[in-house]
Amino acid sequence: MRPRRWLEFAVSSRRSLLLSLPGKHVRSSSSRRHHGTLMAEEAKKLAAYAAVDNHIQNNQVVGVGSGSTIVYAVDRLSKTFHLILSTHARQLILQHGLTLSDLDRHPELDVAIDGADEVDAALTLIKGGGGCLTQEKIVAGCAKHFIVIADYRKDSKDLGQQWKKGVPVEVIPMAYVPVSRAIARRFGGEAVLRMAVSKAGPVVTDNSNFILDWKFEHAQNWKEVSTAIKMIPGVVETGLFVGMAERVYFGMEDGSVKTRDHPIN
């Protein structure tokens, strides 16, 4: 999916929150799915608002990722904030009248906020479902505090319980076949080239690279695996965020917000 089209989807999902919830009656399967979507969007909003309220102060430099939950975080931010963000979120920031900056001017960030595709009990994340894992990891790595916002569907004891699409791995285009084979040979499972939905050919990242989705077979030592995969020639970055998140806010189905802090060793 191309970056601009993805951003338009994120904005349209925010508008869907304005619709009234269905009344209490027997629903068809399609209406139940619609209700579940609205519930998840409300949960995202709750998590985003709680994270911004608890971690963002005036005159801070804030890094912003590109997950769909970020729409609600941006909605909550004051116009006094300077924002460092991945490419996907640029238009969203400007639409809200916030000050846009970059890592050249602000190489050290006070806080970075982003979503996740899945979060395990140790706050290891899978990210990159939207294709922006490398820039998101750069922004998160420049921040003093990295805060994650998600809805209840992203909460897992172990990676792979909820997210079934695998770990994204960004690769140099000429290397995707040998990298795919190397990952499968060393770690099991299969690493599949991600294909575009609305155009022919593979997904191309904002760095002009390809993405492999590694569908692993079992839980592993994710820090060691991520490091080993990045050592394969042709790999740019993995969607495993290990030891980076300080706290995760989960918006829950009942309207509450659950937090999980990074375990202290």
Protein backbone atom coordinates (compact mmCIF):
# COMPACT_ATOMS: atom_id res chain seq x y z
CA MET A 1 0.00 0.00 0.00
CA ARG A 2 1.39 3.36 -0.93
CA PRO A 3 2.05 5.79 1.96
CA ARG A 4 -0.43 8.47 0.87
CA ARG A 5 -3.29 6.02 0.45
CA TRP A 6 -2.57 4.51 3.87
CA LEU A 7 -2.78 7.94 5.49
CA GLU A 8 -6.14 8.63 3.91
CA PHE A 9 -7.40 5.37 5.41
CA ALA A 10 -6.24 6.40 8.86
CA VAL A 11 -8.12 9.68 8.62
CA SER A 12 -11.29 8.02 7.35
CA SER A 13 -11.21 5.53 10.22
CA ARG A 14 -11.23 8.48 12.62
CA ARG A 15 -14.41 9.79 10.98
CA SER A 16 -16.12 6.44 11.50
CA LEU A 17 -15.98 7.08 15.24
CA LEU A 18 -18.59 9.80 14.83
CA LEU A 19 -21.24 7.26 13.85
CA SER A 20 -23.77 6.19 16.48
CA LEU A 21 -23.29 2.75 18.02
CA PRO A 22 -25.97 0.22 17.01
CA GLY A 23 -28.83 -0.37 19.38
CA LYS A 24 -29.26 -3.55 21.42
CA HIS A 25 -30.78 -5.99 18.98
CA VAL A 26 -29.82 -9.14 17.12
CA ARG A 27 -27.15 -8.16 14.59
CA SER A 28 -26.12 -9.76 11.34
CA SER A 29 -22.49 -10.85 11.00
CA SER A 30 -21.71 -7.67 9.02
CA SER A 31 -23.27 -5.41 11.68
CA ARG A 32 -21.38 -7.27 14.42
CA ARG A 33 -18.13 -6.64 12.55
CA HIS A 34 -19.09 -2.98 12.20
CA HIS A 35 -19.81 -2.78 15.93
CA GLY A 36 -16.45 -4.41 16.68
CA THR A 37 -14.67 -1.92 14.45
CA LEU A 38 -16.31 1.02 16.20
CA MET A 39 -15.45 -0.47 19.60
CA ALA A 40 -11.81 -0.89 18.57
CA GLU A 41 -11.65 2.69 17.29
CA GLU A 42 -13.03 3.99 20.58
CA ALA A 43 -10.45 1.88 22.43
CA LYS A 44 -7.65 3.38 20.32
CA LYS A 45 -8.89 6.86 21.15
CA LEU A 46 -8.99 6.14 24.89
CA ALA A 47 -5.43 4.79 24.86
CA ALA A 48 -4.12 7.70 22.79
CA TYR A 49 -5.72 10.36 24.97
CA ALA A 50 -4.38 8.74 28.16
CA ALA A 51 -0.85 8.52 26.75
CA VAL A 52 -0.79 12.15 25.62
CA ASP A 53 -2.29 13.42 28.89
CA ASN A 54 0.23 11.50 31.01
CA HIS A 55 3.43 11.99 29.01
CA ILE A 56 3.31 15.17 26.93
CA GLN A 57 4.04 18.63 28.32
CA ASN A 58 4.24 22.06 26.75
CA ASN A 59 7.31 22.91 24.69
CA GLN A 60 8.44 19.32 24.30
CA VAL A 61 9.70 17.81 21.06
CA VAL A 62 7.48 14.83 20.29
CA GLY A 63 8.14 12.01 17.83
CA VAL A 64 5.09 10.56 16.10
CA GLY A 65 4.84 7.26 14.25
CA SER A 66 2.34 6.29 11.60
CA GLY A 67 0.03 3.68 13.10
CA SER A 68 -3.73 4.18 12.81
CA THR A 69 -3.93 4.90 16.56
CA ILE A 70 -1.72 7.96 16.03
CA VAL A 71 -4.68 9.82 14.51
CA TYR A 72 -6.16 10.13 18.00
CA ALA A 73 -2.85 11.10 19.62
CA VAL A 74 -2.43 13.94 17.13
CA ASP A 75 -6.01 14.98 17.83
CA ARG A 76 -5.07 15.42 21.49
CA LEU A 77 -1.80 17.28 21.03
CA SER A 78 -1.45 21.00 21.68
CA LYS A 79 -0.42 23.35 18.88
CA THR A 80 2.62 24.35 20.94
CA PHE A 81 4.37 21.01 20.30
CA HIS A 82 7.14 20.40 17.80
CA LEU A 83 6.78 17.02 16.14
CA ILE A 84 9.30 14.61 14.60
CA LEU A 85 7.46 12.03 12.54
CA SER A 86 7.72 9.31 9.96
CA THR A 87 6.78 10.27 6.39
CA HIS A 88 3.30 8.73 6.53
CA ALA A 89 2.07 11.13 9.21
CA ARG A 90 3.27 14.39 7.64
CA GLN A 91 -0.06 15.42 6.11
CA LEU A 92 -1.94 14.49 9.27
CA ILE A 93 0.29 16.76 11.38
CA LEU A 94 -0.09 19.70 9.02
CA GLN A 95 -3.88 19.28 8.90
CA HIS A 96 -3.99 19.72 12.68
CA GLY A 97 -1.94 22.92 12.60
CA LEU A 98 0.99 21.44 14.54
CA THR A 99 4.60 22.53 14.08
CA LEU A 100 6.51 20.14 11.84
CA SER A 101 10.20 19.54 12.46
CA ASP A 102 12.84 16.90 11.65
CA LEU A 103 15.75 15.02 13.19
CA ASP A 104 18.28 17.41 11.70
CA ARG A 105 16.95 20.19 13.92
CA HIS A 106 15.90 17.97 16.86
CA PRO A 107 18.06 14.83 16.97
CA GLU A 108 17.01 14.14 20.56
CA LEU A 109 13.30 13.84 21.33
CA ASP A 110 11.54 14.17 24.66
CA VAL A 111 8.88 11.56 23.88
CA ALA A 112 7.93 9.34 20.95
CA ILE A 113 4.41 7.92 20.63
CA ASP A 114 3.42 5.16 18.22
CA GLY A 115 1.10 2.20 17.80
CA ALA A 116 1.93 -1.50 17.44
CA ASP A 117 0.61 -4.53 15.61
CA GLU A 118 1.17 -6.72 18.68
CA VAL A 119 2.64 -6.38 22.19
CA ASP A 120 3.79 -9.30 24.33
CA ALA A 121 4.15 -9.61 28.12
CA ALA A 122 7.72 -8.23 28.03
CA LEU A 123 6.71 -5.22 25.88
CA THR A 124 8.37 -6.63 22.78
CA LEU A 125 6.53 -5.21 19.79
CA ILE A 126 5.78 -6.28 16.26
CA LYS A 127 5.49 -3.20 14.05
CA GLY A 128 5.52 -2.58 10.32
CA GLY A 129 2.07 -3.71 9.24
CA GLY A 130 1.77 -0.36 7.49
CA GLY A 131 5.25 -0.61 5.97
CA CYS A 132 7.03 2.17 7.88
CA LEU A 133 9.05 0.14 10.39
CA THR A 134 12.49 1.62 9.68
CA GLN A 135 11.55 5.28 10.07
CA GLU A 136 9.37 4.44 13.07
CA LYS A 137 12.28 2.66 14.77
CA ILE A 138 14.62 5.58 14.06
CA VAL A 139 12.16 8.02 15.66
CA ALA A 140 11.60 5.75 18.67
CA GLY A 141 15.34 5.27 19.11
CA CYS A 142 15.93 9.03 19.28
CA ALA A 143 13.44 9.52 22.13
CA LYS A 144 14.11 9.64 25.87
CA HIS A 145 10.75 7.93 26.39
CA PHE A 146 8.97 5.66 23.90
CA ILE A 147 5.25 5.24 24.64
CA VAL A 148 2.99 2.83 22.75
CA ILE A 149 -0.77 3.09 22.30
CA ALA A 150 -2.96 0.19 21.17
CA ASP A 151 -6.39 -1.36 21.47
CA TYR A 152 -7.25 -4.60 23.26
CA ARG A 153 -6.77 -6.70 20.10
CA LYS A 154 -3.00 -6.07 20.14
CA ASP A 155 -2.41 -7.48 23.65
CA SER A 156 -0.69 -10.91 23.72
CA LYS A 157 1.23 -13.02 26.18
CA ASP A 158 3.54 -14.14 23.37
CA LEU A 159 4.10 -12.71 19.91
CA GLY A 160 2.06 -14.50 17.28
CA GLN A 161 -1.02 -15.11 19.40
CA GLN A 162 -2.97 -12.19 17.93
CA TRP A 163 -0.91 -10.99 14.96
CA LYS A 164 -0.81 -13.74 12.33
CA LYS A 165 0.88 -11.85 9.48
CA GLY A 166 4.42 -12.33 10.74
CA VAL A 167 7.36 -10.05 11.49
CA PRO A 168 8.03 -7.45 8.77
CA VAL A 169 11.60 -7.26 7.52
CA GLU A 170 12.63 -4.39 5.25
CA VAL A 171 15.12 -5.50 2.59
CA ILE A 172 17.08 -4.07 -0.33
CA PRO A 173 15.09 -5.17 -3.44
CA MET A 174 17.94 -7.10 -5.10
CA ALA A 175 18.43 -9.19 -1.94
CA TYR A 176 14.90 -10.28 -1.08
CA VAL A 177 15.26 -13.86 -2.39
CA PRO A 178 18.54 -14.74 -0.58
CA VAL A 179 17.35 -12.95 2.57
CA SER A 180 14.06 -14.86 2.52
CA ARG A 181 15.89 -18.16 2.19
CA ALA A 182 18.40 -17.28 4.91
CA ILE A 183 15.69 -16.38 7.42
CA ALA A 184 13.71 -19.58 6.76
CA ARG A 185 16.84 -21.74 6.94
CA ARG A 186 18.11 -20.25 10.21
CA PHE A 187 14.91 -19.56 12.12
CA GLY A 188 12.20 -21.72 10.53
CA GLY A 189 8.87 -20.66 9.09
CA GLU A 190 8.79 -18.71 5.84
CA ALA A 191 9.56 -15.14 4.80
CA VAL A 192 7.13 -14.02 2.09
CA LEU A 193 7.45 -10.96 -0.14
CA ARG A 194 4.59 -8.56 0.66
CA MET A 195 2.54 -7.79 -2.42
CA ALA A 196 0.61 -4.57 -3.00
CA VAL A 197 -3.19 -4.68 -2.81
CA SER A 198 -4.23 -1.94 -5.22
CA LYS A 199 -1.40 -2.17 -7.76
CA ALA A 200 0.69 -4.85 -9.41
CA GLY A 201 3.95 -5.90 -7.82
CA PRO A 202 5.39 -5.82 -4.31
CA VAL A 203 4.87 -3.17 -1.63
CA VAL A 204 7.56 -0.47 -1.84
CA THR A 205 8.49 1.26 1.41
CA ASP A 206 9.08 4.97 1.87
CA ASN A 207 12.79 4.10 1.60
CA SER A 208 12.23 2.42 -1.81
CA ASN A 209 12.76 -1.06 -0.41
CA PHE A 210 10.73 -4.30 -0.24
CA ILE A 211 9.16 -5.98 2.79
CA LEU A 212 9.31 -9.64 3.72
CA ASP A 213 6.75 -10.91 6.23
CA TRP A 214 8.42 -13.65 8.28
CA LYS A 215 5.77 -16.06 9.51
CA PHE A 216 7.59 -17.71 12.38
CA GLU A 217 6.64 -21.06 13.92
CA HIS A 218 7.20 -20.48 17.65
CA ALA A 219 8.35 -17.94 20.24
CA GLN A 220 12.06 -17.21 20.26
CA ASN A 221 14.65 -15.01 21.93
CA TRP A 222 13.50 -11.96 20.01
CA LYS A 223 16.49 -9.77 20.82
CA GLU A 224 18.93 -12.36 19.48
CA VAL A 225 16.76 -13.11 16.45
CA SER A 226 16.34 -9.45 15.52
CA THR A 227 20.08 -8.85 15.79
CA ALA A 228 20.89 -11.94 13.74
CA ILE A 229 18.42 -11.06 10.98
CA LYS A 230 19.84 -7.54 10.71
CA MET A 231 23.30 -9.07 10.14
CA ILE A 232 22.09 -10.79 6.95
CA PRO A 233 23.39 -8.79 3.97
CA GLY A 234 20.54 -6.89 2.35
CA VAL A 235 18.42 -6.46 5.48
CA VAL A 236 17.65 -2.85 6.38
CA GLU A 237 15.61 -3.32 9.57
CA THR A 238 13.19 -5.67 11.32
CA GLY A 239 9.76 -4.98 12.77
CA LEU A 240 10.82 -6.41 16.14
CA PHE A 241 11.06 -3.59 18.70
CA VAL A 242 12.84 -5.20 21.64
CA GLY A 243 13.48 -3.34 24.89
CA MET A 244 12.40 -0.01 23.41
CA ALA A 245 8.90 0.65 24.76
CA GLU A 246 8.71 2.12 28.24
CA ARG A 247 4.94 1.81 28.68
CA VAL A 248 1.99 0.59 26.65
CA TYR A 249 -1.56 1.93 26.94
CA PHE A 250 -4.29 -0.51 25.90
CA GLY A 251 -7.79 0.81 25.30
CA MET A 252 -10.15 -1.92 26.51
CA GLU A 253 -13.58 -3.09 25.38
CA ASP A 254 -15.24 -1.92 28.60
CA GLY A 255 -14.04 1.67 28.17
CA SER A 256 -11.11 1.43 30.58
CA VAL A 257 -7.41 1.89 29.79
CA LYS A 258 -4.88 -0.73 30.88
CA THR A 259 -1.17 0.06 31.15
CA ARG A 260 1.84 -2.23 31.05
CA ASP A 261 5.32 -1.06 31.97
CA HIS A 262 8.60 -2.50 30.80
CA PRO A 263 9.74 -5.20 33.28
CA ILE A 264 12.66 -4.19 35.51
CA ASN A 265 15.50 -6.69 35.31
